[in-house]
């Protein structure tokens, strides 16, 4: 997997997590800017997942292709799911949902890297 893209995704998710959790602590509801930032993070995750899928065709497939595919689907669906749940909860808890979602995304990306590094060859 692309190291620079993975690192950018992890850093962006952690920075947004800190922002969302701070806003939740200050009793602020998600603003349009907060929701837009989550959309941008989701787009970054989609680029990462597309790069990972393209990487499957270069001959270095992971030993557990089913597990890798499951993590790919979970990773790409996580940001939009958190966004929808946050829009359904227009209170401080919406920012908490976004913050927790952003804390989980780096774990998913790291797990994708771990699975991708173990090849079946």
C-alpha atoms as a PDB file:
ATOM      1  CA  UNK A   1       0.000   0.000   0.000  1.00  0.00           C
ATOM      2  CA  UNK A   2       1.038   3.572  -0.611  1.00  0.00           C
ATOM      3  CA  UNK A   3       2.934   4.724   2.486  1.00  0.00           C
ATOM      4  CA  UNK A   4       2.587   8.467   1.918  1.00  0.00           C
ATOM      5  CA  UNK A   5      -1.137   8.221   1.221  1.00  0.00           C
ATOM      6  CA  UNK A   6      -1.677   6.018   4.263  1.00  0.00           C
ATOM      7  CA  UNK A   7       0.262   8.436   6.446  1.00  0.00           C
ATOM      8  CA  UNK A   8      -1.692  11.421   5.120  1.00  0.00           C
ATOM      9  CA  UNK A   9      -4.967   9.633   5.809  1.00  0.00           C
ATOM     10  CA  UNK A  10      -3.928   8.712   9.349  1.00  0.00           C
ATOM     11  CA  UNK A  11      -2.694  12.222  10.181  1.00  0.00           C
ATOM     12  CA  UNK A  12      -5.799  13.878   8.713  1.00  0.00           C
ATOM     13  CA  UNK A  13      -8.092  11.503  10.627  1.00  0.00           C
ATOM     14  CA  UNK A  14      -6.288  12.098  13.929  1.00  0.00           C
ATOM     15  CA  UNK A  15      -6.324  15.875  13.482  1.00  0.00           C
ATOM     16  CA  UNK A  16     -10.023  15.827  12.681  1.00  0.00           C
ATOM     17  CA  UNK A  17     -10.669  13.526  15.643  1.00  0.00           C
ATOM     18  CA  UNK A  18      -9.033  16.033  17.981  1.00  0.00           C
ATOM     19  CA  UNK A  19     -11.102  18.851  16.448  1.00  0.00           C
ATOM     20  CA  UNK A  20     -14.408  16.957  16.675  1.00  0.00           C
ATOM     21  CA  UNK A  21     -13.779  15.790  20.232  1.00  0.00           C
ATOM     22  CA  UNK A  22     -12.860  19.335  21.291  1.00  0.00           C
ATOM     23  CA  UNK A  23     -16.073  20.668  19.749  1.00  0.00           C
ATOM     24  CA  UNK A  24     -18.063  17.925  21.492  1.00  0.00           C
ATOM     25  CA  UNK A  25     -16.440  18.871  24.812  1.00  0.00           C
ATOM     26  CA  UNK A  26     -17.430  22.511  24.165  1.00  0.00           C
ATOM     27  CA  UNK A  27     -21.043  21.376  23.591  1.00  0.00           C
ATOM     28  CA  UNK A  28     -21.096  22.367  19.909  1.00  0.00           C
ATOM     29  CA  UNK A  29     -23.204  20.698  17.249  1.00  0.00           C
ATOM     30  CA  UNK A  30     -21.578  19.708  13.941  1.00  0.00           C
ATOM     31  CA  UNK A  31     -21.385  22.665  11.573  1.00  0.00           C
ATOM     32  CA  UNK A  32     -21.416  22.538   7.785  1.00  0.00           C
ATOM     33  CA  UNK A  33     -17.630  22.913   7.865  1.00  0.00           C
ATOM     34  CA  UNK A  34     -17.352  19.904  10.173  1.00  0.00           C
ATOM     35  CA  UNK A  35     -19.482  17.818   7.850  1.00  0.00           C
ATOM     36  CA  UNK A  36     -17.541  19.028   4.815  1.00  0.00           C
ATOM     37  CA  UNK A  37     -14.252  18.080   6.503  1.00  0.00           C
ATOM     38  CA  UNK A  38     -15.594  14.560   7.031  1.00  0.00           C
ATOM     39  CA  UNK A  39     -16.564  14.381   3.362  1.00  0.00           C
ATOM     40  CA  UNK A  40     -13.013  15.384   2.385  1.00  0.00           C
ATOM     41  CA  UNK A  41     -11.599  12.724   4.725  1.00  0.00           C
ATOM     42  CA  UNK A  42     -13.960  10.187   3.163  1.00  0.00           C
ATOM     43  CA  UNK A  43     -12.687  11.154  -0.293  1.00  0.00           C
ATOM     44  CA  UNK A  44      -9.105  10.681   0.900  1.00  0.00           C
ATOM     45  CA  UNK A  45     -10.040   7.240   2.205  1.00  0.00           C
ATOM     46  CA  UNK A  46     -11.630   6.366  -1.157  1.00  0.00           C
ATOM     47  CA  UNK A  47      -8.389   7.322  -2.932  1.00  0.00           C
ATOM     48  CA  UNK A  48      -6.451   5.120  -0.500  1.00  0.00           C
ATOM     49  CA  UNK A  49      -8.783   2.165  -1.052  1.00  0.00           C
ATOM     50  CA  UNK A  50      -8.639   2.561  -4.844  1.00  0.00           C
ATOM     51  CA  UNK A  51      -4.822   2.603  -4.624  1.00  0.00           C
ATOM     52  CA  UNK A  52      -4.963  -0.576  -2.526  1.00  0.00           C
ATOM     53  CA  UNK A  53      -7.247  -2.302  -5.033  1.00  0.00           C
ATOM     54  CA  UNK A  54      -4.969  -1.292  -7.906  1.00  0.00           C
ATOM     55  CA  UNK A  55      -2.067  -2.682  -5.870  1.00  0.00           C
ATOM     56  CA  UNK A  56      -3.768  -6.085  -5.817  1.00  0.00           C
ATOM     57  CA  UNK A  57      -3.136  -6.419  -9.549  1.00  0.00           C
ATOM     58  CA  UNK A  58       0.637  -5.940  -9.401  1.00  0.00           C
ATOM     59  CA  UNK A  59       1.266  -9.503  -8.258  1.00  0.00           C
ATOM     60  CA  UNK A  60       1.736  -8.980  -4.506  1.00  0.00           C
ATOM     61  CA  UNK A  61      -1.548 -10.198  -3.125  1.00  0.00           C
ATOM     62  CA  UNK A  62      -2.033 -10.614   0.622  1.00  0.00           C
ATOM     63  CA  UNK A  63      -2.256 -14.148   1.970  1.00  0.00           C
ATOM     64  CA  UNK A  64      -5.730 -13.443   3.375  1.00  0.00           C
ATOM     65  CA  UNK A  65      -7.487 -11.836   0.423  1.00  0.00           C
ATOM     66  CA  UNK A  66     -10.939 -12.192   2.006  1.00  0.00           C
ATOM     67  CA  UNK A  67      -9.852 -10.428   5.182  1.00  0.00           C
ATOM     68  CA  UNK A  68      -8.192  -7.711   3.118  1.00  0.00           C
ATOM     69  CA  UNK A  69     -11.380  -7.219   1.065  1.00  0.00           C
ATOM     70  CA  UNK A  70     -13.439  -7.018   4.242  1.00  0.00           C
ATOM     71  CA  UNK A  71     -11.167  -4.341   5.676  1.00  0.00           C
ATOM     72  CA  UNK A  72     -11.282  -2.450   2.369  1.00  0.00           C
ATOM     73  CA  UNK A  73     -15.089  -2.402   2.417  1.00  0.00           C
ATOM     74  CA  UNK A  74     -15.220  -1.428   6.093  1.00  0.00           C
ATOM     75  CA  UNK A  75     -12.653   1.326   5.635  1.00  0.00           C
ATOM     76  CA  UNK A  76     -14.378   2.884   2.639  1.00  0.00           C
ATOM     77  CA  UNK A  77     -17.818   2.726   4.305  1.00  0.00           C
ATOM     78  CA  UNK A  78     -16.789   4.031   7.724  1.00  0.00           C
ATOM     79  CA  UNK A  79     -16.557   7.782   7.031  1.00  0.00           C
ATOM     80  CA  UNK A  80     -19.910   8.006   5.192  1.00  0.00           C
ATOM     81  CA  UNK A  81     -21.594   6.006   7.951  1.00  0.00           C
ATOM     82  CA  UNK A  82     -20.229   8.314  10.649  1.00  0.00           C
ATOM     83  CA  UNK A  83     -21.327  11.296   8.566  1.00  0.00           C
ATOM     84  CA  UNK A  84     -24.898  10.029   8.223  1.00  0.00           C
ATOM     85  CA  UNK A  85     -25.131   9.234  11.930  1.00  0.00           C
ATOM     86  CA  UNK A  86     -23.754  12.674  12.833  1.00  0.00           C
ATOM     87  CA  UNK A  87     -26.288  14.383  10.557  1.00  0.00           C
ATOM     88  CA  UNK A  88     -29.044  12.428  12.299  1.00  0.00           C
ATOM     89  CA  UNK A  89     -27.811  13.733  15.672  1.00  0.00           C
ATOM     90  CA  UNK A  90     -27.573  17.557  15.388  1.00  0.00           C
ATOM     91  CA  UNK A  91     -26.276  18.013  18.946  1.00  0.00           C
ATOM     92  CA  UNK A  92     -22.846  17.750  20.535  1.00  0.00           C
ATOM     93  CA  UNK A  93     -23.181  13.983  20.193  1.00  0.00           C
ATOM     94  CA  UNK A  94     -22.918  14.362  16.429  1.00  0.00           C
ATOM     95  CA  UNK A  95     -19.394  15.716  16.875  1.00  0.00           C
ATOM     96  CA  UNK A  96     -18.642  12.857  19.243  1.00  0.00           C
ATOM     97  CA  UNK A  97     -19.757  10.387  16.566  1.00  0.00           C
ATOM     98  CA  UNK A  98     -17.479  12.085  14.026  1.00  0.00           C
ATOM     99  CA  UNK A  99     -14.585  12.125  16.497  1.00  0.00           C
ATOM    100  CA  UNK A 100     -14.867   8.443  17.331  1.00  0.00           C
ATOM    101  CA  UNK A 101     -15.198   7.627  13.628  1.00  0.00           C
ATOM    102  CA  UNK A 102     -11.987   9.538  12.963  1.00  0.00           C
ATOM    103  CA  UNK A 103     -10.238   7.654  15.760  1.00  0.00           C
ATOM    104  CA  UNK A 104     -11.206   4.293  14.286  1.00  0.00           C
ATOM    105  CA  UNK A 105     -10.135   5.105  10.702  1.00  0.00           C
ATOM    106  CA  UNK A 106      -6.366   5.116  11.483  1.00  0.00           C
ATOM    107  CA  UNK A 107      -6.740   1.683  13.084  1.00  0.00           C
ATOM    108  CA  UNK A 108      -8.417   0.370   9.948  1.00  0.00           C
ATOM    109  CA  UNK A 109      -5.705   1.874   7.731  1.00  0.00           C
ATOM    110  CA  UNK A 110      -2.932   0.385   9.881  1.00  0.00           C
ATOM    111  CA  UNK A 111      -4.638  -3.003   9.771  1.00  0.00           C
ATOM    112  CA  UNK A 112      -4.871  -2.757   5.971  1.00  0.00           C
ATOM    113  CA  UNK A 113      -1.131  -2.079   5.868  1.00  0.00           C
ATOM    114  CA  UNK A 114      -0.438  -5.079   8.103  1.00  0.00           C
ATOM    115  CA  UNK A 115      -2.528  -7.420   5.977  1.00  0.00           C
ATOM    116  CA  UNK A 116      -1.052  -6.058   2.727  1.00  0.00           C
ATOM    117  CA  UNK A 117       2.491  -6.568   3.986  1.00  0.00           C
ATOM    118  CA  UNK A 118       1.933 -10.321   4.376  1.00  0.00           C
ATOM    119  CA  UNK A 119       1.939 -11.780   0.897  1.00  0.00           C
ATOM    120  CA  UNK A 120       0.811 -15.244  -0.055  1.00  0.00           C
ATOM    121  CA  UNK A 121       3.986 -16.009  -1.993  1.00  0.00           C
END
